[in-house]
Amino acid sequence: MIKPHRNQPLWYAFMLHRLSGVALALFLPLHFYILGLALNDPESLDGMLLWTENPLVKFAEFGLVFLLAVHMFGGLRLLALEFLPWKSAQKTFAAAAVAIAFFVALVFLLRAI
């Protein structure tokens, strides 16, 4: 049975913020490893950069930018919850944050291909 508070738009915004943070935290070690290749093994880095031309990788970058944007706008929403008075329009702001994050990621994807 779904709990009543879990069927609210702001709960979904909370979960999206939490899951995007976990996904970004899991991505960071891979990112640091690839950055380390630039210092220690430039040939491997060149191979990795060639691999990033793959369309599937470009789509994955879209997902990464989406996660970054969602997490950033979710954090701004949390700051607003903490420091601004409550308004019922905050549900709309949460939906707008996801829409803006998707737009930012889509612009990134269209520029990448």
Protein backbone atom coordinates (compact mmCIF):
# COMPACT_ATOMS: atom_id res chain seq x y z
CA MET A 1 0.00 0.00 0.00
CA ILE A 2 1.35 3.41 -0.97
CA LYS A 3 1.56 5.80 1.94
CA PRO A 4 -0.40 9.04 1.36
CA HIS A 5 2.63 11.30 1.72
CA ARG A 6 4.43 9.31 -0.99
CA ASN A 7 1.84 10.28 -3.57
CA GLN A 8 2.65 13.99 -3.36
CA PRO A 9 4.63 15.91 -6.02
CA LEU A 10 7.07 17.26 -3.45
CA TRP A 11 7.88 13.72 -2.27
CA TYR A 12 8.73 12.82 -5.86
CA ALA A 13 10.92 15.92 -6.06
CA PHE A 14 12.68 14.79 -2.87
CA MET A 15 13.25 11.29 -4.26
CA LEU A 16 14.53 12.62 -7.59
CA HIS A 17 16.96 14.87 -5.73
CA ARG A 18 18.13 11.99 -3.53
CA LEU A 19 18.52 9.52 -6.42
CA SER A 20 20.33 12.05 -8.59
CA GLY A 21 22.76 12.67 -5.74
CA VAL A 22 23.44 8.94 -5.35
CA ALA A 23 23.93 8.50 -9.11
CA LEU A 24 26.34 11.43 -9.24
CA ALA A 25 28.27 10.06 -6.26
CA LEU A 26 28.61 6.72 -8.05
CA PHE A 27 29.82 8.49 -11.20
CA LEU A 28 32.53 10.54 -9.49
CA PRO A 29 35.12 7.73 -8.99
CA LEU A 30 34.95 6.90 -12.70
CA HIS A 31 35.32 10.56 -13.57
CA PHE A 32 38.35 10.94 -11.31
CA TYR A 33 39.89 7.79 -12.79
CA ILE A 34 39.56 9.21 -16.30
CA LEU A 35 41.03 12.52 -15.17
CA GLY A 36 43.91 10.57 -13.67
CA LEU A 37 44.57 9.02 -17.08
CA ALA A 38 45.41 12.50 -18.36
CA LEU A 39 48.24 12.70 -15.82
CA ASN A 40 49.58 9.14 -15.90
CA ASP A 41 48.68 7.54 -19.24
CA PRO A 42 47.93 10.00 -22.06
CA GLU A 43 47.52 7.19 -24.64
CA SER A 44 44.72 5.60 -22.63
CA LEU A 45 43.09 9.00 -22.29
CA ASP A 46 43.18 9.43 -26.07
CA GLY A 47 41.47 6.05 -26.44
CA MET A 48 38.85 7.05 -23.88
CA LEU A 49 38.22 10.33 -25.71
CA LEU A 50 37.72 8.44 -28.98
CA TRP A 51 35.22 6.19 -27.21
CA THR A 52 33.22 9.24 -26.12
CA GLU A 53 32.31 9.93 -29.77
CA ASN A 54 29.97 6.93 -29.59
CA PRO A 55 26.29 8.06 -29.82
CA LEU A 56 25.38 5.91 -26.82
CA VAL A 57 28.00 7.74 -24.74
CA LYS A 58 26.64 11.09 -25.91
CA PHE A 59 23.18 10.01 -24.76
CA ALA A 60 24.67 8.94 -21.42
CA GLU A 61 26.19 12.42 -21.16
CA PHE A 62 22.67 13.79 -21.64
CA GLY A 63 21.64 11.70 -18.63
CA LEU A 64 24.58 12.98 -16.63
CA VAL A 65 23.80 16.62 -17.42
CA PHE A 66 20.14 15.93 -16.56
CA LEU A 67 21.18 14.47 -13.19
CA LEU A 68 23.43 17.46 -12.51
CA ALA A 69 20.70 19.94 -13.41
CA VAL A 70 18.02 18.08 -11.43
CA HIS A 71 20.30 17.91 -8.41
CA MET A 72 21.18 21.60 -8.66
CA PHE A 73 17.57 22.75 -9.03
CA GLY A 74 16.47 20.31 -6.32
CA GLY A 75 19.06 21.85 -4.01
CA LEU A 76 17.76 25.32 -4.82
CA ARG A 77 14.24 24.09 -4.05
CA LEU A 78 15.45 22.80 -0.67
CA LEU A 79 17.10 26.14 0.07
CA ALA A 80 13.82 27.86 -0.77
CA LEU A 81 11.98 25.49 1.60
CA GLU A 82 14.42 26.30 4.38
CA PHE A 83 14.67 30.05 4.02
CA LEU A 84 11.45 31.25 2.37
CA PRO A 85 7.90 31.11 3.71
CA TRP A 86 5.77 28.18 2.53
CA LYS A 87 3.57 28.76 -0.50
CA SER A 88 1.40 26.27 -2.30
CA ALA A 89 3.15 27.20 -5.55
CA GLN A 90 6.22 25.22 -4.42
CA LYS A 91 4.78 22.15 -6.16
CA THR A 92 4.83 24.15 -9.37
CA PHE A 93 8.41 25.21 -8.67
CA ALA A 94 9.42 21.57 -8.22
CA ALA A 95 7.85 20.64 -11.56
CA ALA A 96 9.46 23.65 -13.19
CA ALA A 97 12.86 22.61 -11.82
CA VAL A 98 12.55 19.20 -13.48
CA ALA A 99 11.40 20.80 -16.72
CA ILE A 100 14.29 23.27 -16.73
CA ALA A 101 16.75 20.47 -15.92
CA PHE A 102 15.42 18.43 -18.84
CA PHE A 103 15.68 21.46 -21.13
CA VAL A 104 19.28 22.14 -20.08
CA ALA A 105 20.21 18.48 -20.66
CA LEU A 106 18.43 18.44 -24.02
CA VAL A 107 20.29 21.55 -25.19
CA PHE A 108 23.54 19.87 -24.16
CA LEU A 109 22.60 16.72 -26.11
CA LEU A 110 21.64 18.65 -29.23
CA ARG A 111 24.93 20.55 -29.16
CA ALA A 112 26.88 17.29 -28.66
CA ILE A 113 25.45 15.57 -31.75
